Every structure is written in structure tokens, then in C-alpha cells.
Amino acid sequence: MISIKRHIDNWKDVPENASGGSGLAAYLSLLSSVIQCGARAVPGIGLDPDQKLSGLAAALSRGPRLAGPGLSSSLETANQVVRKHLSGWADRACERHQTNEHELGEMVAAMRNAVDSLTTHSALYKQEAGDVAVRLHSITAMDDLTEIRQAIVATARSLTACVARTAEEGRKALGQLNTELDSYRTRLSDSEKLSSLDPLTGLANRRSFEDRLAFRVRAACRFSLVLIDLNGFKDVNDRLGHLAGDEVIRSVGATLRLEFPSADLVARWGGDEFAVIVNCSEKDAQARVDRIRRAPIGECRVLKDGKPLTVSVNAAFGVVGWNGSETGAGLLARADSCMYRQKRVREGIGSE
């Protein structure tokens, strides 16, 4: 500011025609340089954030062009405005530098704490990490930012090398641990999957079915339930043996899986009974069941006395739609009652 005022004073006594225009032009050029240099000195803390100095320069350029009291008064007023803004800018710049120094100190402290923690938990590199911690302690006492930066860079390199060696050994141990965990997850997943499936048919088992039924009731979404009981299955077991009976059960399961969409849950309820949760109305579920009834549901070929035999059974179906309020047990009871009304239909077994 002293140099600006001296520059202005030197122009006060210059003859009118010699200095009026050129003096003001020089002042405006100097003011523009001050604004630009201030912005470059501390990026982010502009010297002219509210454009007042720029506005002042514009006003002077439109003001008195000749030397004399008018120009001197305008320049004096301009000096006061510039002095005020330079003072505010200097305060903000000092505050910014203090903030930067504080943040830098916190960063060094955080690095130091991290190294202290590494020293505590890694006995293998305790001495090397301890040396890094000592260097970081010394950095906090430095005042020169250039020296601080150089010290941090050097320390960071040492710390990176130390951590890299520690990490490499950790990766080996972690790789072995991950392999064991993956194996455990696979076994757990397989175990959970097997616990929810019927081993003979691969369909959902009774426990899985009951869980899904309870969920559908809680979700309060429309669905229907189909219970299926095979007719004549006991005679298959008695006449052809349990291996033939298992083939019939597997054949029924495969047929049901094909007849119902994948979004429906087909389950083996137990023995020769099956259950299906159908994502549709009772009317649509009944239409699907009617389609299944058109052909034997469990037709398959088995061996008897070394000769192939075609075996087929039909089934009784109980189809009910959830009424929106009953429990899963209540819905099952209704479906079971409906199914056993159809058990009056004669059980049948195919022939060769």
C-alpha cells in the first residue's frame, strides 16, 4: 500500500495535460495487477471476491481525466477502499495458512498414531515401524513447510515399504483363510440346500413348504394351494416292491415340476402326497389340475422278474384359494378335506 500511495502522490503535481490521463491509466493498471497477483498468491482466497475493486477501477476509468483536486480526491478515496480490501484479504490469507498448517499437523499425528498401532500389532517389523514413528514425531516440531513436505515424503516411502512387506505376509495367511472359508461356505450352502430338499424327488421338502406357506400368509398376497394324493400307490409297493414305488414317486415329482411354473413351489408333502403353492387364483389353479388329470400322473417303466413293466397311477387333488384371513393350517385343512372327497374315485394301476 505504501508503494501505491507513493506512486499516486508522485502524480499529484504533474501538469494537467502531462499527467491527467496517463497517471490515472497507470493507477488503474497497478490496481489490476494487485488484483491478479492477490488471486495467484493464495488460490481460493480471491482478492476481489465481491468485485468491489473491479468496480472501483471501472468507476475511476469513467471519472476525472485531468490532474487536479477532483482526481486527487478520487484517488484518495480509491486508496482507502483498496487498503480496506487488501487488509481483509491478508487476514483471510493468514487464516488459510494457519488452517493448512493445522490440518498438516493433524495428518502427521494420524500417521504417527497409525505407525504406533502397527508397532503394537506387528512384532516382525516393530523396530522398523518404531523408527518411522520417531521421524514422524520430529516432523511435528518443524516450522518450514518445504522441510515438512520432504520429511513426510521420505517417511511415507519407508512406511509404504514396511506395510507392503507386512501385507504380503498377511495376504498369504489371508489367502489360506479365504480358501478355508470358501470351503466352509460351500459346505454350509450345500447342507442348507439339502436340508430343504426331498432326497428322492429333488423337490422342496415338507419343512421348506411349511416355511413358504407361512411367508405367503404373512405377505397377504393372493395364492392357491393344491394337495395331491396318489391312488393305488400302496398296491404298487405291495405288488412290485418299494424300488418300483420310488420310481413312481420320482416320475410324479418330475411331472409336477413340468406342469407348474418355476415361480410355484412344488413339494413332496410326505409318502405319496405332494403339495403345490400356486401363484394364481383358485379358478386358474383348478384349470391346471384339470389339465394334469387328462393323463396318468406317475407313469413309468419298472422291471418285474426281469421284464419291463409300465406302471401308472392317478391321483386325487384338493384345490383351494386362500381367503385372505385364514392361517396356513386352516388352508391345509380345507385342501385336505377337498382332496379326500375325491378319494372315492377308484385307484388304478396300469398293465404291461
Protein backbone atom coordinates (compact mmCIF):
# COMPACT_ATOMS: atom_id res chain seq x y z
CA MET A 1 0.00 0.00 0.00
CA ILE A 2 2.90 2.41 0.66
CA SER A 3 4.21 1.94 -2.86
CA ILE A 4 0.73 2.52 -4.29
CA LYS A 5 0.31 5.77 -2.34
CA ARG A 6 3.80 6.96 -3.27
CA HIS A 7 3.01 6.24 -6.91
CA ILE A 8 -0.19 8.30 -6.62
CA ASP A 9 1.50 11.20 -4.78
CA ASN A 10 4.13 11.44 -7.47
CA TRP A 11 1.40 12.25 -9.98
CA LYS A 12 -0.41 14.96 -7.97
CA ASP A 13 1.81 17.89 -9.03
CA VAL A 14 2.36 16.96 -12.64
CA PRO A 15 0.88 19.47 -15.12
CA GLU A 16 -2.66 18.81 -16.23
CA ASN A 17 -2.03 17.87 -19.83
CA ALA A 18 1.03 15.76 -18.98
CA SER A 19 -0.33 13.56 -16.27
CA GLY A 20 -4.13 13.58 -16.18
CA GLY A 21 -4.80 10.70 -18.48
CA SER A 22 -1.52 8.79 -18.18
CA GLY A 23 -1.43 8.97 -14.33
CA LEU A 24 -4.91 7.56 -13.97
CA ALA A 25 -4.13 4.87 -16.52
CA ALA A 26 -1.02 3.88 -14.58
CA TYR A 27 -3.04 3.75 -11.33
CA LEU A 28 -5.70 1.56 -12.92
CA SER A 29 -3.04 -0.72 -14.40
CA LEU A 30 -1.42 -1.05 -10.97
CA LEU A 31 -4.77 -1.79 -9.33
CA SER A 32 -5.46 -4.51 -11.90
CA SER A 33 -2.03 -6.07 -11.23
CA VAL A 34 -2.68 -6.07 -7.49
CA ILE A 35 -5.99 -7.93 -8.00
CA GLN A 36 -4.40 -10.54 -10.29
CA CYS A 37 -1.36 -11.11 -8.08
CA GLY A 38 -3.54 -11.46 -4.98
CA ALA A 39 -5.62 -14.16 -6.63
CA ARG A 40 -2.47 -16.03 -7.71
CA ALA A 41 -0.81 -15.73 -4.30
CA VAL A 42 -3.49 -17.70 -2.44
CA PRO A 43 -5.75 -19.69 -4.77
CA GLY A 44 -9.23 -19.97 -3.37
CA ILE A 45 -8.92 -16.71 -1.44
CA GLY A 46 -9.54 -14.20 -4.19
CA LEU A 47 -8.50 -10.62 -3.59
CA ASP A 48 -11.65 -9.34 -5.26
CA PRO A 49 -14.41 -11.93 -4.49
CA ASP A 50 -17.26 -9.40 -4.45
CA GLN A 51 -15.93 -7.44 -7.47
CA LYS A 52 -15.66 -4.20 -5.47
CA LEU A 53 -12.11 -3.45 -6.57
CA SER A 54 -13.01 -4.22 -10.16
CA GLY A 55 -15.99 -1.91 -9.80
CA LEU A 56 -13.76 0.79 -8.34
CA ALA A 57 -11.41 0.54 -11.32
CA ALA A 58 -14.34 0.86 -13.70
CA ALA A 59 -15.65 3.93 -11.84
CA LEU A 60 -12.25 5.65 -11.93
CA SER A 61 -11.94 5.00 -15.62
CA ARG A 62 -15.17 6.94 -16.14
CA GLY A 63 -14.22 9.73 -13.65
CA PRO A 64 -11.95 12.84 -13.90
CA ARG A 65 -9.35 12.57 -16.60
CA LEU A 66 -7.25 15.60 -15.65
CA ALA A 67 -4.92 16.26 -12.74
CA GLY A 68 -6.23 18.47 -10.01
CA PRO A 69 -8.36 18.37 -6.80
CA GLY A 70 -11.02 16.19 -8.42
CA LEU A 71 -8.60 13.48 -9.45
CA SER A 72 -6.67 13.62 -6.16
CA SER A 73 -9.86 13.26 -4.14
CA SER A 74 -10.99 10.30 -6.25
CA LEU A 75 -7.63 8.61 -5.90
CA GLU A 76 -7.56 9.16 -2.11
CA THR A 77 -10.98 7.57 -1.80
CA ALA A 78 -9.83 4.73 -4.01
CA ASN A 79 -6.76 4.25 -1.82
CA GLN A 80 -8.93 3.84 1.27
CA VAL A 81 -11.11 1.25 -0.46
CA VAL A 82 -8.07 -0.64 -1.75
CA ARG A 83 -6.40 -0.54 1.70
CA LYS A 84 -9.54 -1.97 3.32
CA HIS A 85 -9.78 -4.83 0.83
CA LEU A 86 -6.07 -5.62 0.98
CA SER A 87 -6.30 -5.81 4.77
CA GLY A 88 -9.28 -8.19 4.60
CA TRP A 89 -7.54 -10.31 2.00
CA ALA A 90 -4.39 -10.52 4.16
CA ASP A 91 -6.49 -11.66 7.14
CA ARG A 92 -8.15 -14.39 5.07
CA ALA A 93 -4.81 -15.49 3.61
CA CYS A 94 -3.27 -15.76 7.10
CA GLU A 95 -6.27 -17.71 8.30
CA ARG A 96 -5.97 -20.08 5.33
CA HIS A 97 -2.27 -20.67 6.03
CA GLN A 98 -2.98 -21.33 9.70
CA THR A 99 -5.71 -23.79 8.75
CA ASN A 100 -3.39 -25.58 6.35
CA GLU A 101 -0.71 -25.86 8.99
CA HIS A 102 -3.23 -27.21 11.50
CA GLU A 103 -4.53 -29.80 9.03
CA LEU A 104 -0.98 -30.79 8.14
CA GLY A 105 -0.23 -31.29 11.82
CA GLU A 106 -3.33 -33.44 12.23
CA MET A 107 -2.31 -35.51 9.21
CA VAL A 108 1.14 -36.14 10.64
CA ALA A 109 -0.39 -37.02 14.01
CA ALA A 110 -2.73 -39.50 12.33
CA MET A 111 0.19 -41.10 10.50
CA ARG A 112 2.10 -41.27 13.74
CA ASN A 113 -0.83 -42.98 15.51
CA ALA A 114 -1.14 -45.46 12.64
CA VAL A 115 2.54 -46.32 12.90
CA ASP A 116 2.22 -46.65 16.68
CA SER A 117 -0.63 -49.10 16.13
CA LEU A 118 1.41 -51.02 13.57
CA THR A 119 4.29 -51.18 16.03
CA THR A 120 1.97 -52.64 18.65
CA HIS A 121 0.39 -55.30 16.43
CA SER A 122 3.28 -56.34 14.20
CA ALA A 123 6.18 -57.80 16.16
CA LEU A 124 8.02 -58.76 12.97
CA TYR A 125 8.55 -55.13 11.88
CA LYS A 126 8.37 -53.48 15.28
CA GLN A 127 11.83 -51.90 15.10
CA GLU A 128 11.40 -50.53 11.56
CA ALA A 129 7.96 -49.15 12.33
CA GLY A 130 9.29 -47.66 15.54
CA ASP A 131 11.95 -45.73 13.58
CA VAL A 132 9.23 -44.33 11.32
CA ALA A 133 7.22 -43.24 14.36
CA VAL A 134 10.24 -41.37 15.75
CA ARG A 135 10.67 -39.48 12.45
CA LEU A 136 7.02 -38.53 12.46
CA HIS A 137 7.33 -37.22 16.00
CA SER A 138 10.18 -34.96 14.86
CA ILE A 139 8.19 -33.65 11.88
CA THR A 140 5.55 -32.14 14.16
CA ALA A 141 8.18 -29.76 15.55
CA MET A 142 9.21 -28.39 12.13
CA ASP A 143 8.13 -24.91 11.01
CA ASP A 144 9.21 -24.85 7.37
CA LEU A 145 6.57 -26.32 5.08
CA THR A 146 9.14 -27.40 2.48
CA GLU A 147 11.10 -29.37 5.07
CA ILE A 148 7.87 -30.88 6.41
CA ARG A 149 6.81 -31.98 2.93
CA GLN A 150 10.21 -33.56 2.18
CA ALA A 151 10.25 -35.35 5.55
CA ILE A 152 6.72 -36.66 5.07
CA VAL A 153 7.51 -37.97 1.58
CA ALA A 154 10.61 -39.80 2.85
CA THR A 155 8.77 -41.21 5.85
CA ALA A 156 5.83 -42.28 3.73
CA ARG A 157 8.16 -44.23 1.45
CA SER A 158 9.64 -46.08 4.42
CA LEU A 159 6.21 -46.73 5.84
CA THR A 160 4.88 -47.97 2.48
CA ALA A 161 7.75 -50.43 2.14
CA CYS A 162 7.18 -51.70 5.68
CA VAL A 163 3.45 -52.08 5.17
CA ALA A 164 3.98 -53.76 1.79
CA ARG A 165 6.14 -56.46 3.35
CA THR A 166 3.68 -56.93 6.19
CA ALA A 167 0.77 -57.03 3.74
CA GLU A 168 2.47 -59.66 1.57
CA GLU A 169 2.82 -61.99 4.51
CA GLY A 170 -0.72 -61.13 5.55
CA ARG A 171 -2.01 -61.94 2.06
CA LYS A 172 -0.52 -65.41 2.24
CA ALA A 173 -2.21 -66.11 5.55
CA LEU A 174 -5.41 -64.43 4.36
CA GLY A 175 -5.41 -66.47 1.16
CA GLN A 176 -5.28 -69.68 3.15
CA LEU A 177 -8.02 -68.40 5.44
CA ASN A 178 -10.22 -67.40 2.49
CA THR A 179 -9.77 -70.84 0.94
CA GLU A 180 -10.92 -72.44 4.16
CA LEU A 181 -13.83 -70.01 4.47
CA ASP A 182 -14.93 -70.64 0.87
CA SER A 183 -14.89 -74.35 1.53
CA TYR A 184 -16.90 -73.84 4.70
CA ARG A 185 -19.43 -71.60 2.90
CA THR A 186 -19.82 -74.17 0.14
CA ARG A 187 -20.40 -76.98 2.62
CA LEU A 188 -22.83 -74.80 4.58
CA SER A 189 -24.73 -73.83 1.42
CA ASP A 190 -24.89 -77.45 0.28
CA SER A 191 -26.05 -78.51 3.72
CA GLU A 192 -28.78 -75.86 3.82
CA LYS A 193 -29.89 -76.77 0.31
CA LEU A 194 -30.03 -80.47 1.12
CA SER A 195 -31.95 -79.80 4.33
CA SER A 196 -34.69 -78.06 2.31
CA LEU A 197 -35.00 -80.72 -0.45
CA ASP A 198 -36.61 -84.11 -0.65
CA PRO A 199 -33.78 -86.56 -1.44
CA LEU A 200 -35.91 -88.85 -3.62
CA THR A 201 -37.52 -86.29 -5.95
CA GLY A 202 -35.34 -83.19 -5.57
CA LEU A 203 -38.49 -81.18 -4.79
CA ALA A 204 -38.90 -78.97 -1.75
CA ASN A 205 -39.48 -80.99 1.40
CA ARG A 206 -42.24 -80.54 3.96
CA ARG A 207 -40.27 -78.16 6.17
CA SER A 208 -39.41 -75.89 3.24
CA PHE A 209 -43.04 -75.99 2.09
CA GLU A 210 -44.36 -75.01 5.53
CA ASP A 211 -41.90 -72.10 5.72
CA ARG A 212 -43.01 -70.81 2.30
CA LEU A 213 -46.69 -71.21 3.18
CA ALA A 214 -46.24 -69.20 6.40
CA PHE A 215 -44.42 -66.49 4.43
CA ARG A 216 -47.20 -66.25 1.83
CA VAL A 217 -49.83 -65.89 4.56
CA ARG A 218 -47.80 -63.11 6.23
CA ALA A 219 -47.30 -61.37 2.89
CA ALA A 220 -51.08 -61.37 2.39
CA CYS A 221 -50.80 -61.91 -1.37
CA ARG A 222 -53.27 -63.94 -3.40
CA PHE A 223 -52.34 -67.59 -3.92
CA SER A 224 -53.86 -71.05 -4.09
CA LEU A 225 -52.93 -74.40 -2.59
CA VAL A 226 -53.06 -77.83 -4.25
CA LEU A 227 -52.76 -81.08 -2.29
CA ILE A 228 -52.18 -84.28 -4.25
CA ASP A 229 -52.58 -87.88 -3.04
CA LEU A 230 -51.73 -90.82 -5.31
CA ASN A 231 -54.37 -93.52 -5.82
CA GLY A 232 -53.27 -97.12 -5.82
CA PHE A 233 -49.74 -96.40 -4.66
CA LYS A 234 -49.86 -98.96 -1.85
CA ASP A 235 -50.71 -101.66 -4.38
CA VAL A 236 -47.63 -100.68 -6.42
CA ASN A 237 -45.43 -101.19 -3.37
CA ASP A 238 -47.10 -104.44 -2.41
CA ARG A 239 -47.13 -105.95 -5.91
CA LEU A 240 -43.91 -104.58 -7.43
CA GLY A 241 -41.79 -103.60 -4.45
CA HIS A 242 -40.53 -100.37 -2.95
CA LEU A 243 -37.99 -99.71 -5.71
CA ALA A 244 -40.85 -99.56 -8.19
CA GLY A 245 -42.72 -97.32 -5.76
CA ASP A 246 -39.75 -94.97 -5.63
CA GLU A 247 -39.72 -94.79 -9.43
CA VAL A 248 -43.39 -93.82 -9.40
CA ILE A 249 -42.74 -91.10 -6.80
CA ARG A 250 -39.86 -89.73 -8.87
CA SER A 251 -41.99 -89.77 -12.01
CA VAL A 252 -44.83 -87.89 -10.27
CA GLY A 253 -42.36 -85.29 -8.99
CA ALA A 254 -40.92 -84.75 -12.47
CA THR A 255 -44.39 -84.39 -13.96
CA LEU A 256 -45.47 -81.81 -11.38
CA ARG A 257 -42.28 -79.83 -11.86
CA LEU A 258 -43.03 -79.59 -15.59
CA GLU A 259 -46.73 -78.80 -15.21
CA PHE A 260 -46.33 -75.90 -12.79
CA PRO A 261 -44.30 -72.72 -13.47
CA SER A 262 -40.96 -72.28 -11.73
CA ALA A 263 -42.45 -69.46 -9.63
CA ASP A 264 -44.78 -72.00 -7.98
CA LEU A 265 -43.42 -74.17 -5.17
CA VAL A 266 -43.86 -77.91 -5.74
CA ALA A 267 -43.07 -80.01 -2.68
CA ARG A 268 -43.25 -83.60 -1.54
CA TRP A 269 -45.52 -83.47 1.49
CA GLY A 270 -44.62 -86.99 2.56
CA GLY A 271 -45.17 -90.59 1.45
CA ASP A 272 -47.29 -90.47 -1.70
CA GLU A 273 -48.60 -86.94 -1.07
CA PHE A 274 -47.48 -83.74 -2.78
CA ALA A 275 -48.34 -80.06 -2.26
CA VAL A 276 -48.07 -77.02 -4.52
CA ILE A 277 -48.26 -73.30 -3.70
CA VAL A 278 -49.65 -71.73 -6.87
CA ASN A 279 -49.33 -68.01 -7.67
CA CYS A 280 -52.80 -67.63 -9.12
CA SER A 281 -56.49 -67.72 -8.28
CA GLU A 282 -58.33 -70.90 -7.31
CA LYS A 283 -60.04 -70.96 -10.71
CA ASP A 284 -56.73 -70.85 -12.62
CA ALA A 285 -55.19 -73.44 -10.29
CA GLN A 286 -58.16 -75.75 -10.91
CA ALA A 287 -57.68 -75.37 -14.67
CA ARG A 288 -54.06 -76.52 -14.34
CA VAL A 289 -55.10 -79.51 -12.24
CA ASP A 290 -57.76 -80.49 -14.81
CA ARG A 291 -55.06 -80.47 -17.48
CA ILE A 292 -52.85 -82.77 -15.38
CA ARG A 293 -55.74 -85.20 -14.83
CA ARG A 294 -56.04 -85.95 -18.55
CA ALA A 295 -53.09 -88.36 -18.43
CA PRO A 296 -51.63 -90.74 -15.81
CA ILE A 297 -49.59 -88.60 -13.45
CA GLY A 298 -46.98 -91.17 -12.43
CA GLU A 299 -46.39 -93.33 -15.46
CA CYS A 300 -43.01 -95.05 -15.59
CA ARG A 301 -41.32 -98.32 -16.57
CA VAL A 302 -40.00 -100.77 -13.98
CA LEU A 303 -38.66 -104.32 -14.03
CA LYS A 304 -40.57 -107.28 -12.61
CA ASP A 305 -38.97 -110.68 -12.78
CA GLY A 306 -36.50 -109.21 -15.27
CA LYS A 307 -39.26 -107.99 -17.59
CA PRO A 308 -40.11 -104.29 -18.25
CA LEU A 309 -43.48 -103.21 -16.95
CA THR A 310 -45.29 -99.91 -17.47
CA VAL A 311 -46.81 -98.63 -14.24
CA SER A 312 -49.11 -95.67 -13.92
CA VAL A 313 -51.21 -94.18 -11.16
CA ASN A 314 -53.72 -91.37 -10.96
CA ALA A 315 -54.30 -89.01 -8.07
CA ALA A 316 -56.85 -87.11 -6.02
CA PHE A 317 -56.46 -83.32 -5.97
CA GLY A 318 -57.60 -80.77 -3.41
CA VAL A 319 -57.59 -77.22 -4.80
CA VAL A 320 -58.38 -74.22 -2.58
CA GLY A 321 -57.66 -70.49 -2.75
CA TRP A 322 -56.51 -68.54 0.29
CA ASN A 323 -59.40 -66.44 1.58
CA GLY A 324 -57.20 -63.61 2.88
CA SER A 325 -57.66 -64.29 6.58
CA GLU A 326 -57.17 -67.98 7.41
CA THR A 327 -53.97 -69.46 8.75
CA GLY A 328 -51.75 -71.83 6.85
CA ALA A 329 -53.04 -74.72 8.96
CA GLY A 330 -56.62 -73.76 8.18
CA LEU A 331 -55.89 -73.61 4.46
CA LEU A 332 -54.21 -77.03 4.57
CA ALA A 333 -57.23 -78.49 6.38
CA ARG A 334 -59.59 -77.21 3.68
CA ALA A 335 -57.37 -78.57 0.89
CA ASP A 336 -57.07 -81.92 2.67
CA SER A 337 -60.85 -82.19 3.05
CA CYS A 338 -61.34 -81.35 -0.63
CA MET A 339 -58.76 -83.92 -1.66
CA TYR A 340 -60.24 -86.76 0.36
CA ARG A 341 -63.66 -86.17 -1.10
CA GLN A 342 -62.07 -87.23 -4.38
CA LYS A 343 -60.63 -90.41 -2.85
CA ARG A 344 -63.93 -92.08 -3.69
CA VAL A 345 -62.53 -92.25 -7.21
CA ARG A 346 -61.23 -95.80 -7.80
CA GLU A 347 -57.48 -96.23 -7.50
CA GLY A 348 -55.91 -97.69 -10.67
CA ILE A 349 -52.69 -99.44 -11.70
CA GLY A 350 -51.54 -99.86 -15.31
CA SER A 351 -50.52 -103.07 -17.02
CA GLU A 352 -47.83 -104.27 -19.37
